[in-house]
Amino acid sequence: MSANQALVLAVPKGRILGELVPLLHRAGIRPEAAFADEDDRRLRFATDDPRIEIVRVRSFDVATFVAFGAAHLGVAGNDVIMEFDYPELYAPVDLGIGHCRLSVAEPAHLGAGDDPARWSHIRVATKYPAITRRHFAARGVQAECIKLSGAMELAPGLGLCQRIVDLVSSGATLTANDLVEVEVIAEVTSRLIVNRAALKTRPVEVSAWVDRFREAADAA
């Protein structure tokens, strides 16, 4: 992208937007009205600052857009950052929003007497196969990962596997599907991520936005 073009900020669709918009305002970014219109199908939006535009993409795609330079900055959960582990990404600011955890869960009848420390091999349904394999390999457990994009909680009841690795917030969805958490892999919050090449080629602009986001997060 040309140095004369506006910087592009990639933000995730979904529930996190409700927490993110006030933070954007504190950072001095007010998207055009269409950004808040749920019926608007556009994915790229102007802001009241001509130096920055916003693109709205799936939460799992934010890291990819930033890593490959399609966006200069982005907002992504550290679950996504950990899963892809792109060397092109720098995550300088914890925004303190999107709090949840990445956990291992299993049917309640197993959880009562199960000890994860005694596992040697497990089959897991997850959309985080890289994190899951690394987590269990660190203690010598072989994890066979079945990648799913959603409805993880159905997998144990339908015999696909006995355990899942997924994001947990209140735990209500697990309870509704007769599952219990047995291990927390990571606490998750959303971070500001930056393309390292953009930071080198446009250091003044990118660093200024990093500072604004840090101040906005600290002011929350």
Foldseek 3Di string as FASTA:
>chain_A
DDPPQAAEEEEEDDDQVVVVQLLCVLLVWAWPPVVPPPPDPAQKTDTPDRNYIYGYDHQLCRVVCQQVVVGFKYKHKVLSCVLVVRPQKDFDFFLPTPWWFWFKKFAQVQQVPDDPLPAAEFEEEEQRVRLVCVQQVVNNHGYHYDYDPDPRLCCCVVPVGGMYIDIGHPCPVCVVSRMDTDGTSGIMGMTMMGGNVCCVVVVVVVVSSVVSSRVSSVVD
